[in-house]
């Protein structure tokens, strides 16, 4: 019985850590997935990608569903989970 309880507790902690990881790594996700085009501070790059800092655009929808007129956001970013997309969107909201 003790082993079973310990297994459940360990599984719960592992799951909790996995769920929290995307939020904790939102800055790192942004830097690896977005900064190359949109700039380290979301300032955008002329002729490459628009400014993201202060944007009202639904970033989660753009990342998970696509729909923009220019690549790479015409299609969803298949390398991101919805949780990662939400973490990136939350990070973008912190950019000024």
PDB file of N, CA and C in Angstrom:
ATOM      1  N   UNK A   1       0.825  -1.195   0.000  1.00  0.00           N
ATOM      2  CA  UNK A   1       0.000   0.000   0.000  1.00  0.00           C
ATOM      3  C   UNK A   1       0.866   1.254   0.000  1.00  0.00           C
ATOM      4  N   UNK A   2       1.940   1.270   0.784  1.00  0.00           N
ATOM      5  CA  UNK A   2       2.811   2.439   0.847  1.00  0.00           C
ATOM      6  C   UNK A   2       3.478   2.690  -0.502  1.00  0.00           C
ATOM      7  N   UNK A   3       3.859   1.622  -1.179  1.00  0.00           N
ATOM      8  CA  UNK A   3       4.507   1.767  -2.476  1.00  0.00           C
ATOM      9  C   UNK A   3       3.539   2.369  -3.487  1.00  0.00           C
ATOM     10  N   UNK A   4       2.292   1.935  -3.449  1.00  0.00           N
ATOM     11  CA  UNK A   4       1.293   2.445  -4.375  1.00  0.00           C
ATOM     12  C   UNK A   4       1.044   3.941  -4.136  1.00  0.00           C
ATOM     13  N   UNK A   5       0.933   4.337  -2.881  1.00  0.00           N
ATOM     14  CA  UNK A   5       0.724   5.746  -2.558  1.00  0.00           C
ATOM     15  C   UNK A   5       1.926   6.564  -3.015  1.00  0.00           C
ATOM     16  N   UNK A   6       3.121   6.066  -2.765  1.00  0.00           N
ATOM     17  CA  UNK A   6       4.334   6.756  -3.192  1.00  0.00           C
ATOM     18  C   UNK A   6       4.357   6.903  -4.717  1.00  0.00           C
ATOM     19  N   UNK A   7       3.919   5.882  -5.439  1.00  0.00           N
ATOM     20  CA  UNK A   7       3.884   5.939  -6.904  1.00  0.00           C
ATOM     21  C   UNK A   7       2.911   7.004  -7.389  1.00  0.00           C
ATOM     22  N   UNK A   8       1.755   7.086  -6.757  1.00  0.00           N
ATOM     23  CA  UNK A   8       0.756   8.080  -7.135  1.00  0.00           C
ATOM     24  C   UNK A   8       1.277   9.488  -6.853  1.00  0.00           C
ATOM     25  N   UNK A   9       1.892   9.678  -5.694  1.00  0.00           N
ATOM     26  CA  UNK A   9       2.441  10.984  -5.342  1.00  0.00           C
ATOM     27  C   UNK A   9       3.542  11.375  -6.324  1.00  0.00           C
ATOM     28  N   UNK A  10       4.442  10.460  -6.634  1.00  0.00           N
ATOM     29  CA  UNK A  10       5.524  10.730  -7.567  1.00  0.00           C
ATOM     30  C   UNK A  10       4.973  11.055  -8.951  1.00  0.00           C
ATOM     31  N   UNK A  11       3.982  10.313  -9.403  1.00  0.00           N
ATOM     32  CA  UNK A  11       3.376  10.586 -10.707  1.00  0.00           C
ATOM     33  C   UNK A  11       2.719  11.961 -10.717  1.00  0.00           C
ATOM     34  N   UNK A  12       2.077  12.336  -9.628  1.00  0.00           N
ATOM     35  CA  UNK A  12       1.428  13.644  -9.544  1.00  0.00           C
ATOM     36  C   UNK A  12       2.451  14.766  -9.584  1.00  0.00           C
ATOM     37  N   UNK A  13       3.535  14.609  -8.877  1.00  0.00           N
ATOM     38  CA  UNK A  13       4.596  15.623  -8.862  1.00  0.00           C
ATOM     39  C   UNK A  13       5.212  15.746 -10.249  1.00  0.00           C
ATOM     40  N   UNK A  14       5.460  14.634 -10.899  1.00  0.00           N
ATOM     41  CA  UNK A  14       6.035  14.645 -12.236  1.00  0.00           C
ATOM     42  C   UNK A  14       5.099  15.350 -13.211  1.00  0.00           C
ATOM     43  N   UNK A  15       3.817  15.038 -13.137  1.00  0.00           N
ATOM     44  CA  UNK A  15       2.840  15.676 -14.008  1.00  0.00           C
ATOM     45  C   UNK A  15       2.777  17.163 -13.737  1.00  0.00           C
ATOM     46  N   UNK A  16       2.755  17.560 -12.481  1.00  0.00           N
ATOM     47  CA  UNK A  16       2.711  18.970 -12.115  1.00  0.00           C
ATOM     48  C   UNK A  16       3.937  19.702 -12.649  1.00  0.00           C
ATOM     49  N   UNK A  17       5.088  19.101 -12.524  1.00  0.00           N
ATOM     50  CA  UNK A  17       6.314  19.732 -13.018  1.00  0.00           C
ATOM     51  C   UNK A  17       6.254  19.894 -14.531  1.00  0.00           C
ATOM     52  N   UNK A  18       5.707  18.897 -15.245  1.00  0.00           N
ATOM     53  CA  UNK A  18       5.607  18.977 -16.692  1.00  0.00           C
ATOM     54  C   UNK A  18       4.628  20.065 -17.107  1.00  0.00           C
ATOM     55  N   UNK A  19       3.512  20.185 -16.404  1.00  0.00           N
ATOM     56  CA  UNK A  19       2.506  21.188 -16.726  1.00  0.00           C
ATOM     57  C   UNK A  19       3.056  22.586 -16.475  1.00  0.00           C
ATOM     58  N   UNK A  20       3.840  22.772 -15.433  1.00  0.00           N
ATOM     59  CA  UNK A  20       4.377  24.084 -15.114  1.00  0.00           C
ATOM     60  C   UNK A  20       5.574  24.454 -15.983  1.00  0.00           C
ATOM     61  N   UNK A  21       6.249  23.481 -16.543  1.00  0.00           N
ATOM     62  CA  UNK A  21       7.470  23.746 -17.303  1.00  0.00           C
ATOM     63  C   UNK A  21       7.275  24.727 -18.450  1.00  0.00           C
ATOM     64  N   UNK A  22       6.221  24.586 -19.284  1.00  0.00           N
ATOM     65  CA  UNK A  22       6.096  25.548 -20.378  1.00  0.00           C
ATOM     66  C   UNK A  22       5.984  26.990 -19.893  1.00  0.00           C
ATOM     67  N   UNK A  23       5.251  27.224 -18.819  1.00  0.00           N
ATOM     68  CA  UNK A  23       5.106  28.585 -18.305  1.00  0.00           C
ATOM     69  C   UNK A  23       6.446  29.111 -17.789  1.00  0.00           C
ATOM     70  N   UNK A  24       7.196  28.262 -17.123  1.00  0.00           N
ATOM     71  CA  UNK A  24       8.486  28.674 -16.588  1.00  0.00           C
ATOM     72  C   UNK A  24       9.489  28.933 -17.701  1.00  0.00           C
ATOM     73  N   UNK A  25       9.341  28.260 -18.812  1.00  0.00           N
ATOM     74  CA  UNK A  25      10.277  28.385 -19.908  1.00  0.00           C
ATOM     75  C   UNK A  25       9.741  29.266 -21.028  1.00  0.00           C
ATOM     76  N   UNK A  26       8.766  30.108 -20.743  1.00  0.00           N
ATOM     77  CA  UNK A  26       8.152  30.905 -21.796  1.00  0.00           C
ATOM     78  C   UNK A  26       9.163  31.806 -22.494  1.00  0.00           C
ATOM     79  N   UNK A  27      10.063  32.390 -21.731  1.00  0.00           N
ATOM     80  CA  UNK A  27      11.095  33.229 -22.333  1.00  0.00           C
ATOM     81  C   UNK A  27      12.019  32.430 -23.235  1.00  0.00           C
ATOM     82  N   UNK A  28      12.389  31.250 -22.786  1.00  0.00           N
ATOM     83  CA  UNK A  28      13.252  30.380 -23.592  1.00  0.00           C
ATOM     84  C   UNK A  28      12.526  29.917 -24.850  1.00  0.00           C
ATOM     85  N   UNK A  29      11.248  29.583 -24.723  1.00  0.00           N
ATOM     86  CA  UNK A  29      10.464  29.187 -25.894  1.00  0.00           C
ATOM     87  C   UNK A  29      10.403  30.327 -26.902  1.00  0.00           C
ATOM     88  N   UNK A  30      10.123  31.525 -26.401  1.00  0.00           N
ATOM     89  CA  UNK A  30      10.068  32.688 -27.291  1.00  0.00           C
ATOM     90  C   UNK A  30      11.402  32.866 -28.002  1.00  0.00           C
ATOM     91  N   UNK A  31      12.489  32.790 -27.249  1.00  0.00           N
ATOM     92  CA  UNK A  31      13.807  33.017 -27.840  1.00  0.00           C
ATOM     93  C   UNK A  31      14.144  31.975 -28.908  1.00  0.00           C
ATOM     94  N   UNK A  32      13.748  30.712 -28.693  1.00  0.00           N
ATOM     95  CA  UNK A  32      14.078  29.682 -29.672  1.00  0.00           C
ATOM     96  C   UNK A  32      13.101  29.620 -30.841  1.00  0.00           C
ATOM     97  N   UNK A  33      11.851  29.981 -30.619  1.00  0.00           N
ATOM     98  CA  UNK A  33      10.838  29.834 -31.664  1.00  0.00           C
ATOM     99  C   UNK A  33      10.469  31.140 -32.370  1.00  0.00           C
ATOM    100  N   UNK A  34      10.655  32.285 -31.711  1.00  0.00           N
ATOM    101  CA  UNK A  34      10.102  33.533 -32.236  1.00  0.00           C
ATOM    102  C   UNK A  34      11.127  34.651 -32.450  1.00  0.00           C
ATOM    103  N   UNK A  35      12.104  34.738 -31.565  1.00  0.00           N
ATOM    104  CA  UNK A  35      13.026  35.875 -31.567  1.00  0.00           C
ATOM    105  C   UNK A  35      13.823  36.003 -32.861  1.00  0.00           C
ATOM    106  N   UNK A  36      14.094  34.906 -33.517  1.00  0.00           N
ATOM    107  CA  UNK A  36      14.858  34.968 -34.765  1.00  0.00           C
ATOM    108  C   UNK A  36      14.229  35.894 -35.792  1.00  0.00           C
ATOM    109  N   UNK A  37      12.906  35.934 -35.824  1.00  0.00           N
ATOM    110  CA  UNK A  37      12.197  36.806 -36.770  1.00  0.00           C
ATOM    111  C   UNK A  37      11.657  38.075 -36.108  1.00  0.00           C
ATOM    112  N   UNK A  38      11.126  37.931 -34.900  1.00  0.00           N
ATOM    113  CA  UNK A  38      10.436  39.045 -34.244  1.00  0.00           C
ATOM    114  C   UNK A  38      11.330  39.852 -33.311  1.00  0.00           C
ATOM    115  N   UNK A  39      12.583  39.444 -33.124  1.00  0.00           N
ATOM    116  CA  UNK A  39      13.515  40.173 -32.270  1.00  0.00           C
ATOM    117  C   UNK A  39      13.449  39.724 -30.824  1.00  0.00           C
ATOM    118  N   UNK A  40      14.562  39.872 -30.128  1.00  0.00           N
ATOM    119  CA  UNK A  40      14.663  39.432 -28.736  1.00  0.00           C
ATOM    120  C   UNK A  40      13.648  40.108 -27.823  1.00  0.00           C
ATOM    121  N   UNK A  41      13.301  41.351 -28.145  1.00  0.00           N
ATOM    122  CA  UNK A  41      12.373  42.101 -27.307  1.00  0.00           C
ATOM    123  C   UNK A  41      11.028  42.293 -27.982  1.00  0.00           C
ATOM    124  N   UNK A  42      10.773  41.515 -29.028  1.00  0.00           N
ATOM    125  CA  UNK A  42       9.502  41.628 -29.737  1.00  0.00           C
ATOM    126  C   UNK A  42       9.392  42.890 -30.557  1.00  0.00           C
ATOM    127  N   UNK A  43      10.515  43.521 -30.870  1.00  0.00           N
ATOM    128  CA  UNK A  43      10.522  44.787 -31.583  1.00  0.00           C
ATOM    129  C   UNK A  43      10.251  44.627 -33.074  1.00  0.00           C
ATOM    130  N   UNK A  44      10.280  43.393 -33.565  1.00  0.00           N
ATOM    131  CA  UNK A  44      10.078  43.147 -34.984  1.00  0.00           C
ATOM    132  C   UNK A  44      11.338  43.429 -35.774  1.00  0.00           C
ATOM    133  N   UNK A  45      11.328  42.980 -37.017  1.00  0.00           N
ATOM    134  CA  UNK A  45      12.455  43.231 -37.915  1.00  0.00           C
ATOM    135  C   UNK A  45      11.872  43.674 -39.250  1.00  0.00           C
ATOM    136  N   UNK A  46      12.218  44.861 -39.659  1.00  0.00           N
ATOM    137  CA  UNK A  46      11.663  45.433 -40.881  1.00  0.00           C
ATOM    138  C   UNK A  46      11.889  44.511 -42.074  1.00  0.00           C
ATOM    139  N   UNK A  47      10.835  44.248 -42.796  1.00  0.00           N
ATOM    140  CA  UNK A  47      10.907  43.383 -43.963  1.00  0.00           C
ATOM    141  C   UNK A  47      10.923  41.903 -43.637  1.00  0.00           C
ATOM    142  N   UNK A  48      10.974  41.563 -42.354  1.00  0.00           N
ATOM    143  CA  UNK A  48      11.019  40.155 -41.957  1.00  0.00           C
ATOM    144  C   UNK A  48       9.766  39.771 -41.178  1.00  0.00           C
ATOM    145  N   UNK A  49       9.518  40.464 -40.069  1.00  0.00           N
ATOM    146  CA  UNK A  49       8.392  40.114 -39.202  1.00  0.00           C
ATOM    147  C   UNK A  49       7.944  41.333 -38.408  1.00  0.00           C
ATOM    148  N   UNK A  50       6.646  41.408 -38.098  1.00  0.00           N
ATOM    149  CA  UNK A  50       6.136  42.571 -37.372  1.00  0.00           C
ATOM    150  C   UNK A  50       6.500  42.572 -35.900  1.00  0.00           C
ATOM    151  N   UNK A  51       6.320  43.740 -35.315  1.00  0.00           N
ATOM    152  CA  UNK A  51       6.507  43.923 -33.883  1.00  0.00           C
ATOM    153  C   UNK A  51       5.454  43.109 -33.134  1.00  0.00           C
ATOM    154  N   UNK A  52       5.870  42.444 -32.069  1.00  0.00           N
ATOM    155  CA  UNK A  52       4.934  41.692 -31.234  1.00  0.00           C
ATOM    156  C   UNK A  52       4.677  42.388 -29.908  1.00  0.00           C
ATOM    157  N   UNK A  53       5.652  43.154 -29.422  1.00  0.00           N
ATOM    158  CA  UNK A  53       5.495  43.830 -28.141  1.00  0.00           C
ATOM    159  C   UNK A  53       4.281  44.748 -28.207  1.00  0.00           C
ATOM    160  N   UNK A  54       3.377  44.588 -27.262  1.00  0.00           N
ATOM    161  CA  UNK A  54       2.188  45.413 -27.197  1.00  0.00           C
ATOM    162  C   UNK A  54       1.099  45.024 -28.175  1.00  0.00           C
ATOM    163  N   UNK A  55       1.236  43.902 -28.844  1.00  0.00           N
ATOM    164  CA  UNK A  55       0.240  43.486 -29.825  1.00  0.00           C
ATOM    165  C   UNK A  55      -1.042  43.010 -29.154  1.00  0.00           C
ATOM    166  N   UNK A  56      -2.155  43.239 -29.820  1.00  0.00           N
ATOM    167  CA  UNK A  56      -3.447  42.759 -29.327  1.00  0.00           C
ATOM    168  C   UNK A  56      -3.845  41.476 -30.060  1.00  0.00           C
ATOM    169  N   UNK A  57      -3.016  41.050 -30.980  1.00  0.00           N
ATOM    170  CA  UNK A  57      -3.302  39.858 -31.780  1.00  0.00           C
ATOM    171  C   UNK A  57      -3.381  38.622 -30.889  1.00  0.00           C
ATOM    172  N   UNK A  58      -4.261  37.693 -31.242  1.00  0.00           N
ATOM    173  CA  UNK A  58      -4.385  36.447 -30.490  1.00  0.00           C
ATOM    174  C   UNK A  58      -3.243  35.524 -30.898  1.00  0.00           C
ATOM    175  N   UNK A  59      -2.142  35.625 -30.187  1.00  0.00           N
ATOM    176  CA  UNK A  59      -0.928  34.888 -30.520  1.00  0.00           C
ATOM    177  C   UNK A  59      -1.156  33.379 -30.437  1.00  0.00           C
ATOM    178  N   UNK A  60      -1.920  32.933 -29.457  1.00  0.00           N
ATOM    179  CA  UNK A  60      -2.180  31.491 -29.320  1.00  0.00           C
ATOM    180  C   UNK A  60      -2.863  30.972 -30.574  1.00  0.00           C
ATOM    181  N   UNK A  61      -3.849  31.696 -31.061  1.00  0.00           N
ATOM    182  CA  UNK A  61      -4.565  31.254 -32.261  1.00  0.00           C
ATOM    183  C   UNK A  61      -3.647  31.223 -33.478  1.00  0.00           C
ATOM    184  N   UNK A  62      -2.826  32.241 -33.621  1.00  0.00           N
ATOM    185  CA  UNK A  62      -1.900  32.283 -34.757  1.00  0.00           C
ATOM    186  C   UNK A  62      -0.942  31.099 -34.699  1.00  0.00           C
ATOM    187  N   UNK A  63      -0.419  30.800 -33.504  1.00  0.00           N
ATOM    188  CA  UNK A  63       0.538  29.701 -33.379  1.00  0.00           C
ATOM    189  C   UNK A  63      -0.109  28.337 -33.538  1.00  0.00           C
ATOM    190  N   UNK A  64      -1.320  28.168 -33.043  1.00  0.00           N
ATOM    191  CA  UNK A  64      -1.952  26.839 -33.072  1.00  0.00           C
ATOM    192  C   UNK A  64      -2.830  26.587 -34.287  1.00  0.00           C
ATOM    193  N   UNK A  65      -3.329  27.667 -34.923  1.00  0.00           N
ATOM    194  CA  UNK A  65      -4.236  27.483 -36.057  1.00  0.00           C
ATOM    195  C   UNK A  65      -3.719  28.082 -37.361  1.00  0.00           C
ATOM    196  N   UNK A  66      -2.759  28.985 -37.264  1.00  0.00           N
ATOM    197  CA  UNK A  66      -2.268  29.651 -38.462  1.00  0.00           C
ATOM    198  C   UNK A  66      -3.245  30.724 -38.901  1.00  0.00           C
ATOM    199  N   UNK A  67      -3.274  30.981 -40.203  1.00  0.00           N
ATOM    200  CA  UNK A  67      -4.225  31.938 -40.738  1.00  0.00           C
ATOM    201  C   UNK A  67      -3.641  33.274 -41.129  1.00  0.00           C
ATOM    202  N   UNK A  68      -2.357  33.500 -40.885  1.00  0.00           N
ATOM    203  CA  UNK A  68      -1.730  34.749 -41.291  1.00  0.00           C
ATOM    204  C   UNK A  68      -1.469  34.714 -42.801  1.00  0.00           C
ATOM    205  N   UNK A  69      -1.185  35.854 -43.363  1.00  0.00           N
ATOM    206  CA  UNK A  69      -0.987  35.931 -44.814  1.00  0.00           C
ATOM    207  C   UNK A  69       0.435  35.608 -45.256  1.00  0.00           C
ATOM    208  N   UNK A  70       1.390  35.631 -44.301  1.00  0.00           N
ATOM    209  CA  UNK A  70       2.788  35.363 -44.651  1.00  0.00           C
ATOM    210  C   UNK A  70       3.322  34.180 -43.857  1.00  0.00           C
ATOM    211  N   UNK A  71       4.182  33.375 -44.487  1.00  0.00           N
ATOM    212  CA  UNK A  71       4.811  32.282 -43.751  1.00  0.00           C
ATOM    213  C   UNK A  71       5.643  32.821 -42.607  1.00  0.00           C
ATOM    214  N   UNK A  72       5.903  32.117 -41.565  1.00  0.00           N
ATOM    215  CA  UNK A  72       5.538  30.721 -41.372  1.00  0.00           C
ATOM    216  C   UNK A  72       4.176  30.529 -40.713  1.00  0.00           C
ATOM    217  N   UNK A  73       3.438  31.615 -40.485  1.00  0.00           N
ATOM    218  CA  UNK A  73       2.203  31.502 -39.716  1.00  0.00           C
ATOM    219  C   UNK A  73       0.948  31.327 -40.564  1.00  0.00           C
ATOM    220  N   UNK A  74       1.129  30.976 -41.832  1.00  0.00           N
ATOM    221  CA  UNK A  74      -0.016  30.641 -42.668  1.00  0.00           C
ATOM    222  C   UNK A  74      -0.643  29.359 -42.121  1.00  0.00           C
ATOM    223  N   UNK A  75       0.218  28.457 -41.693  1.00  0.00           N
ATOM    224  CA  UNK A  75      -0.212  27.186 -41.101  1.00  0.00           C
ATOM    225  C   UNK A  75       0.179  27.173 -39.622  1.00  0.00           C
ATOM    226  N   UNK A  76      -0.438  26.303 -38.832  1.00  0.00           N
ATOM    227  CA  UNK A  76      -0.054  26.201 -37.414  1.00  0.00           C
ATOM    228  C   UNK A  76       1.404  25.770 -37.269  1.00  0.00           C
ATOM    229  N   UNK A  77       2.011  26.151 -36.163  1.00  0.00           N
ATOM    230  CA  UNK A  77       3.365  25.693 -35.863  1.00  0.00           C
ATOM    231  C   UNK A  77       3.238  24.327 -35.205  1.00  0.00           C
ATOM    232  N   UNK A  78       3.484  23.289 -35.969  1.00  0.00           N
ATOM    233  CA  UNK A  78       3.279  21.919 -35.485  1.00  0.00           C
ATOM    234  C   UNK A  78       4.262  21.523 -34.391  1.00  0.00           C
ATOM    235  N   UNK A  79       5.314  22.298 -34.203  1.00  0.00           N
ATOM    236  CA  UNK A  79       6.298  21.954 -33.177  1.00  0.00           C
ATOM    237  C   UNK A  79       5.900  22.468 -31.797  1.00  0.00           C
ATOM    238  N   UNK A  80       4.795  23.208 -31.714  1.00  0.00           N
ATOM    239  CA  UNK A  80       4.353  23.751 -30.427  1.00  0.00           C
ATOM    240  C   UNK A  80       3.075  23.090 -29.947  1.00  0.00           C
ATOM    241  N   UNK A  81       3.022  22.819 -28.668  1.00  0.00           N
ATOM    242  CA  UNK A  81       1.780  22.348 -28.054  1.00  0.00           C
ATOM    243  C   UNK A  81       0.926  23.574 -27.720  1.00  0.00           C
ATOM    244  N   UNK A  82      -0.374  23.390 -27.495  1.00  0.00           N
ATOM    245  CA  UNK A  82      -1.196  24.531 -27.071  1.00  0.00           C
ATOM    246  C   UNK A  82      -0.675  25.187 -25.790  1.00  0.00           C
ATOM    247  N   UNK A  83      -0.156  24.389 -24.867  1.00  0.00           N
ATOM    248  CA  UNK A  83       0.390  24.947 -23.622  1.00  0.00           C
ATOM    249  C   UNK A  83       1.615  25.811 -23.913  1.00  0.00           C
ATOM    250  N   UNK A  84       2.461  25.370 -24.832  1.00  0.00           N
ATOM    251  CA  UNK A  84       3.634  26.159 -25.185  1.00  0.00           C
ATOM    252  C   UNK A  84       3.224  27.448 -25.891  1.00  0.00           C
ATOM    253  N   UNK A  85       2.223  27.369 -26.754  1.00  0.00           N
ATOM    254  CA  UNK A  85       1.723  28.558 -27.436  1.00  0.00           C
ATOM    255  C   UNK A  85       1.185  29.564 -26.419  1.00  0.00           C
ATOM    256  N   UNK A  86       0.467  29.071 -25.429  1.00  0.00           N
ATOM    257  CA  UNK A  86      -0.067  29.947 -24.374  1.00  0.00           C
ATOM    258  C   UNK A  86       1.066  30.573 -23.567  1.00  0.00           C
ATOM    259  N   UNK A  87       2.120  29.800 -23.308  1.00  0.00           N
ATOM    260  CA  UNK A  87       3.265  30.329 -22.562  1.00  0.00           C
ATOM    261  C   UNK A  87       3.958  31.426 -23.362  1.00  0.00           C
ATOM    262  N   UNK A  88       4.116  31.225 -24.657  1.00  0.00           N
ATOM    263  CA  UNK A  88       4.730  32.242 -25.505  1.00  0.00           C
ATOM    264  C   UNK A  88       3.860  33.501 -25.532  1.00  0.00           C
ATOM    265  N   UNK A  89       2.550  33.322 -25.662  1.00  0.00           N
ATOM    266  CA  UNK A  89       1.634  34.472 -25.674  1.00  0.00           C
ATOM    267  C   UNK A  89       1.731  35.255 -24.370  1.00  0.00           C
ATOM    268  N   UNK A  90       1.806  34.550 -23.258  1.00  0.00           N
ATOM    269  CA  UNK A  90       1.935  35.216 -21.953  1.00  0.00           C
ATOM    270  C   UNK A  90       3.250  35.983 -21.886  1.00  0.00           C
ATOM    271  N   UNK A  91       4.311  35.404 -22.411  1.00  0.00           N
ATOM    272  CA  UNK A  91       5.607  36.083 -22.414  1.00  0.00           C
ATOM    273  C   UNK A  91       5.555  37.340 -23.278  1.00  0.00           C
ATOM    274  N   UNK A  92       4.940  37.246 -24.440  1.00  0.00           N
ATOM    275  CA  UNK A  92       4.838  38.395 -25.331  1.00  0.00           C
ATOM    276  C   UNK A  92       4.117  39.556 -24.640  1.00  0.00           C
ATOM    277  N   UNK A  93       3.132  39.241 -23.812  1.00  0.00           N
ATOM    278  CA  UNK A  93       2.401  40.292 -23.095  1.00  0.00           C
ATOM    279  C   UNK A  93       3.289  41.051 -22.106  1.00  0.00           C
ATOM    280  N   UNK A  94       4.417  40.452 -21.720  1.00  0.00           N
ATOM    281  CA  UNK A  94       5.328  41.129 -20.805  1.00  0.00           C
ATOM    282  C   UNK A  94       6.288  42.063 -21.531  1.00  0.00           C
ATOM    283  N   UNK A  95       6.379  41.930 -22.860  1.00  0.00           N
ATOM    284  CA  UNK A  95       7.293  42.755 -23.636  1.00  0.00           C
ATOM    285  C   UNK A  95       6.725  44.149 -23.809  1.00  0.00           C
ATOM    286  N   UNK A  96       7.563  45.122 -23.740  1.00  0.00           N
ATOM    287  CA  UNK A  96       7.141  46.535 -23.895  1.00  0.00           C
ATOM    288  C   UNK A  96       7.795  47.163 -25.095  1.00  0.00           C
TER     289      UNK A  96
END
